[in-house]
Amino acid sequence: MKFNTKTRYGLRAMIEIARETNNNGIFQKDIAVRQEISNKYLDHIIYALKVAGLISNVKGKKSGYILTRPAKEITIMDINNAFEPGICIIDCITENYKCERENVCSAKNFWTGLNDIIADYFKENTLQDLLEEQLELEIKESV
């Protein structure tokens, strides 16, 4: 199972936005440089995060980005949902999937359980958790 690049880069971009403590936010070009993401690709990521209501511009176009709510209130699931409609590790557990074997398939129950574990993990972890870990890693790296 793999998460798409937009989700992975979106998470990294959100960490950069969360770490900015000034009222001016962070510019997209700075996120691109720090996270080694092309500015053009980052356009799509930023757009999705804005549409999801996770970030906004400080003063309109050509200004920095800020979080729309505190990092401790933004779950990793919120970020994932900006790019994917929830988490689904296998097609047969999707809501509208029709399978002739679903009533006699123990594998479906296994996949559903695993999917629930992953979704719960995404819901339990916040952007604040990742930000704190990021800052700790940077302190260790600088020593």
C-alpha atoms as a PDB file:
ATOM      1  CA  MET A   1       0.000   0.000   0.000  1.00  0.00           C
ATOM      2  CA  LYS A   2       1.291   3.429  -0.907  1.00  0.00           C
ATOM      3  CA  PHE A   3       0.007   6.900  -0.210  1.00  0.00           C
ATOM      4  CA  ASN A   4       0.160   9.227  -3.186  1.00  0.00           C
ATOM      5  CA  THR A   5       2.782  11.922  -3.557  1.00  0.00           C
ATOM      6  CA  LYS A   6       0.325  14.763  -3.016  1.00  0.00           C
ATOM      7  CA  THR A   7      -0.632  13.348   0.379  1.00  0.00           C
ATOM      8  CA  ARG A   8       2.999  12.849   1.400  1.00  0.00           C
ATOM      9  CA  TYR A   9       4.110  16.267   0.174  1.00  0.00           C
ATOM     10  CA  GLY A  10       0.970  17.859   1.603  1.00  0.00           C
ATOM     11  CA  LEU A  11       1.914  16.581   5.034  1.00  0.00           C
ATOM     12  CA  ARG A  12       5.431  17.995   4.673  1.00  0.00           C
ATOM     13  CA  ALA A  13       4.059  21.345   3.485  1.00  0.00           C
ATOM     14  CA  MET A  14       1.697  21.485   6.459  1.00  0.00           C
ATOM     15  CA  ILE A  15       4.619  20.922   8.839  1.00  0.00           C
ATOM     16  CA  GLU A  16       6.408  23.894   7.258  1.00  0.00           C
ATOM     17  CA  ILE A  17       3.324  26.080   7.544  1.00  0.00           C
ATOM     18  CA  ALA A  18       2.770  25.017  11.164  1.00  0.00           C
ATOM     19  CA  ARG A  19       6.321  25.867  12.166  1.00  0.00           C
ATOM     20  CA  GLU A  20       5.981  29.495  11.089  1.00  0.00           C
ATOM     21  CA  THR A  21       5.164  31.534  14.168  1.00  0.00           C
ATOM     22  CA  ASN A  22       5.136  35.019  12.668  1.00  0.00           C
ATOM     23  CA  ASN A  23       1.893  36.612  11.552  1.00  0.00           C
ATOM     24  CA  ASN A  24       3.048  36.877   7.941  1.00  0.00           C
ATOM     25  CA  GLY A  25       2.976  33.108   7.358  1.00  0.00           C
ATOM     26  CA  ILE A  26       5.318  31.300   5.030  1.00  0.00           C
ATOM     27  CA  PHE A  27       5.701  31.830   1.304  1.00  0.00           C
ATOM     28  CA  GLN A  28       5.147  28.944  -1.073  1.00  0.00           C
ATOM     29  CA  LYS A  29       8.621  29.372  -2.551  1.00  0.00           C
ATOM     30  CA  ASP A  30      10.126  28.863   0.921  1.00  0.00           C
ATOM     31  CA  ILE A  31       8.122  25.680   1.451  1.00  0.00           C
ATOM     32  CA  ALA A  32       9.308  24.449  -1.948  1.00  0.00           C
ATOM     33  CA  VAL A  33      12.962  25.108  -1.128  1.00  0.00           C
ATOM     34  CA  ARG A  34      12.874  23.676   2.393  1.00  0.00           C
ATOM     35  CA  GLN A  35      11.012  20.544   1.365  1.00  0.00           C
ATOM     36  CA  GLU A  36      12.635  20.122  -2.063  1.00  0.00           C
ATOM     37  CA  ILE A  37       9.307  20.133  -3.885  1.00  0.00           C
ATOM     38  CA  SER A  38       8.923  21.831  -7.245  1.00  0.00           C
ATOM     39  CA  ASN A  39       6.990  25.078  -6.962  1.00  0.00           C
ATOM     40  CA  LYS A  40       4.739  24.038  -9.843  1.00  0.00           C
ATOM     41  CA  TYR A  41       3.785  20.753  -8.132  1.00  0.00           C
ATOM     42  CA  LEU A  42       3.381  22.559  -4.827  1.00  0.00           C
ATOM     43  CA  ASP A  43       0.725  24.761  -6.501  1.00  0.00           C
ATOM     44  CA  HIS A  44      -1.591  21.735  -6.666  1.00  0.00           C
ATOM     45  CA  ILE A  45      -0.863  20.768  -3.075  1.00  0.00           C
ATOM     46  CA  ILE A  46      -1.448  24.271  -1.730  1.00  0.00           C
ATOM     47  CA  TYR A  47      -4.682  24.535  -3.701  1.00  0.00           C
ATOM     48  CA  ALA A  48      -6.013  21.277  -2.210  1.00  0.00           C
ATOM     49  CA  LEU A  49      -5.049  22.342   1.323  1.00  0.00           C
ATOM     50  CA  LYS A  50      -6.842  25.670   0.821  1.00  0.00           C
ATOM     51  CA  VAL A  51      -9.977  24.013  -0.576  1.00  0.00           C
ATOM     52  CA  ALA A  52      -9.974  21.646   2.413  1.00  0.00           C
ATOM     53  CA  GLY A  53      -9.951  24.704   4.691  1.00  0.00           C
ATOM     54  CA  LEU A  54      -6.655  23.802   6.365  1.00  0.00           C
ATOM     55  CA  ILE A  55      -4.658  26.853   5.256  1.00  0.00           C
ATOM     56  CA  SER A  56      -5.279  30.370   4.010  1.00  0.00           C
ATOM     57  CA  ASN A  57      -3.349  33.324   2.697  1.00  0.00           C
ATOM     58  CA  VAL A  58      -2.521  36.008   5.241  1.00  0.00           C
ATOM     59  CA  LYS A  59      -3.355  38.973   2.994  1.00  0.00           C
ATOM     60  CA  GLY A  60      -4.630  37.522  -0.275  1.00  0.00           C
ATOM     61  CA  LYS A  61      -2.570  36.535  -3.297  1.00  0.00           C
ATOM     62  CA  LYS A  62       1.214  36.629  -3.122  1.00  0.00           C
ATOM     63  CA  SER A  63       1.289  36.473   0.653  1.00  0.00           C
ATOM     64  CA  GLY A  64       2.301  33.831   3.134  1.00  0.00           C
ATOM     65  CA  TYR A  65       0.245  30.841   4.232  1.00  0.00           C
ATOM     66  CA  ILE A  66      -1.005  30.159   7.727  1.00  0.00           C
ATOM     67  CA  LEU A  67      -3.041  27.408   9.342  1.00  0.00           C
ATOM     68  CA  THR A  68      -6.761  28.089   9.690  1.00  0.00           C
ATOM     69  CA  ARG A  69      -6.772  26.495  13.149  1.00  0.00           C
ATOM     70  CA  PRO A  70      -4.158  25.393  15.687  1.00  0.00           C
ATOM     71  CA  ALA A  71      -1.886  22.493  14.682  1.00  0.00           C
ATOM     72  CA  LYS A  72      -3.132  20.469  17.652  1.00  0.00           C
ATOM     73  CA  GLU A  73      -6.621  20.545  16.099  1.00  0.00           C
ATOM     74  CA  ILE A  74      -5.535  19.301  12.666  1.00  0.00           C
ATOM     75  CA  THR A  75      -5.278  15.531  12.397  1.00  0.00           C
ATOM     76  CA  ILE A  76      -3.251  13.662   9.846  1.00  0.00           C
ATOM     77  CA  MET A  77      -6.599  12.357   8.589  1.00  0.00           C
ATOM     78  CA  ASP A  78      -7.661  15.956   7.893  1.00  0.00           C
ATOM     79  CA  ILE A  79      -4.564  16.396   5.751  1.00  0.00           C
ATOM     80  CA  ASN A  80      -5.044  13.052   4.006  1.00  0.00           C
ATOM     81  CA  ASN A  81      -8.661  13.960   3.234  1.00  0.00           C
ATOM     82  CA  ALA A  82      -7.497  17.061   1.371  1.00  0.00           C
ATOM     83  CA  PHE A  83      -6.116  14.679  -1.250  1.00  0.00           C
ATOM     84  CA  GLU A  84      -7.998  11.395  -0.863  1.00  0.00           C
ATOM     85  CA  PRO A  85     -11.559  10.566   0.183  1.00  0.00           C
ATOM     86  CA  GLY A  86     -10.620   8.766   3.401  1.00  0.00           C
ATOM     87  CA  ILE A  87      -8.431   5.702   3.624  1.00  0.00           C
ATOM     88  CA  CYS A  88      -9.179   2.523   1.740  1.00  0.00           C
ATOM     89  CA  ILE A  89      -6.406  -0.030   1.499  1.00  0.00           C
ATOM     90  CA  ILE A  90      -8.249  -2.433  -0.816  1.00  0.00           C
ATOM     91  CA  ASP A  91     -11.149  -2.031  -3.249  1.00  0.00           C
ATOM     92  CA  CYS A  92     -13.395  -4.706  -1.756  1.00  0.00           C
ATOM     93  CA  ILE A  93     -13.973  -2.724   1.439  1.00  0.00           C
ATOM     94  CA  THR A  94     -15.263   0.365  -0.318  1.00  0.00           C
ATOM     95  CA  GLU A  95     -18.893   1.247   0.255  1.00  0.00           C
ATOM     96  CA  ASN A  96     -20.211   0.618  -3.258  1.00  0.00           C
ATOM     97  CA  TYR A  97     -18.052  -2.379  -4.148  1.00  0.00           C
ATOM     98  CA  LYS A  98     -20.106  -5.461  -5.057  1.00  0.00           C
ATOM     99  CA  CYS A  99     -18.521  -8.839  -4.487  1.00  0.00           C
ATOM    100  CA  GLU A 100     -20.298 -12.177  -4.738  1.00  0.00           C
ATOM    101  CA  ARG A 101     -18.110 -13.562  -1.941  1.00  0.00           C
ATOM    102  CA  GLU A 102     -18.449 -10.768   0.607  1.00  0.00           C
ATOM    103  CA  ASN A 103     -20.734 -12.739   2.940  1.00  0.00           C
ATOM    104  CA  VAL A 104     -18.378 -15.717   3.043  1.00  0.00           C
ATOM    105  CA  CYS A 105     -14.997 -13.982   2.919  1.00  0.00           C
ATOM    106  CA  SER A 106     -12.930 -13.791   6.092  1.00  0.00           C
ATOM    107  CA  ALA A 107     -10.252 -11.879   4.172  1.00  0.00           C
ATOM    108  CA  LYS A 108     -12.641  -8.941   3.810  1.00  0.00           C
ATOM    109  CA  ASN A 109     -12.956  -8.761   7.592  1.00  0.00           C
ATOM    110  CA  PHE A 110      -9.167  -8.812   7.903  1.00  0.00           C
ATOM    111  CA  TRP A 111      -8.768  -5.950   5.409  1.00  0.00           C
ATOM    112  CA  THR A 112     -11.531  -3.961   7.087  1.00  0.00           C
ATOM    113  CA  GLY A 113      -9.822  -4.353  10.475  1.00  0.00           C
ATOM    114  CA  LEU A 114      -6.449  -3.279   9.102  1.00  0.00           C
ATOM    115  CA  ASN A 115      -8.033  -0.313   7.324  1.00  0.00           C
ATOM    116  CA  ASP A 116      -9.677   0.756  10.590  1.00  0.00           C
ATOM    117  CA  ILE A 117      -6.343   0.571  12.445  1.00  0.00           C
ATOM    118  CA  ILE A 118      -4.676   2.808   9.855  1.00  0.00           C
ATOM    119  CA  ALA A 119      -7.574   5.280   9.821  1.00  0.00           C
ATOM    120  CA  ASP A 120      -7.569   5.448  13.633  1.00  0.00           C
ATOM    121  CA  TYR A 121      -3.808   6.113  13.612  1.00  0.00           C
ATOM    122  CA  PHE A 122      -4.340   9.007  11.194  1.00  0.00           C
ATOM    123  CA  LYS A 123      -7.109  10.388  13.414  1.00  0.00           C
ATOM    124  CA  GLU A 124      -5.094  10.048  16.644  1.00  0.00           C
ATOM    125  CA  ASN A 125      -2.018  11.887  15.394  1.00  0.00           C
ATOM    126  CA  THR A 126      -2.030  15.630  14.893  1.00  0.00           C
ATOM    127  CA  LEU A 127       0.014  18.122  12.963  1.00  0.00           C
ATOM    128  CA  GLN A 128       1.277  19.388  16.333  1.00  0.00           C
ATOM    129  CA  ASP A 129       2.665  15.912  17.109  1.00  0.00           C
ATOM    130  CA  LEU A 130       4.630  15.890  13.850  1.00  0.00           C
ATOM    131  CA  LEU A 131       5.794  19.471  14.295  1.00  0.00           C
ATOM    132  CA  GLU A 132       7.195  18.708  17.750  1.00  0.00           C
ATOM    133  CA  GLU A 133       8.958  15.608  16.441  1.00  0.00           C
ATOM    134  CA  GLN A 134      10.382  17.616  13.522  1.00  0.00           C
ATOM    135  CA  LEU A 135      11.783  20.259  15.855  1.00  0.00           C
ATOM    136  CA  GLU A 136      13.332  17.572  18.088  1.00  0.00           C
ATOM    137  CA  LEU A 137      14.976  15.923  15.071  1.00  0.00           C
ATOM    138  CA  GLU A 138      16.438  19.242  13.965  1.00  0.00           C
ATOM    139  CA  ILE A 139      17.848  19.891  17.452  1.00  0.00           C
ATOM    140  CA  LYS A 140      19.502  16.443  17.487  1.00  0.00           C
ATOM    141  CA  GLU A 141      20.884  16.997  13.994  1.00  0.00           C
ATOM    142  CA  SER A 142      22.455  20.332  14.945  1.00  0.00           C
ATOM    143  CA  VAL A 143      24.347  18.891  17.947  1.00  0.00           C
END
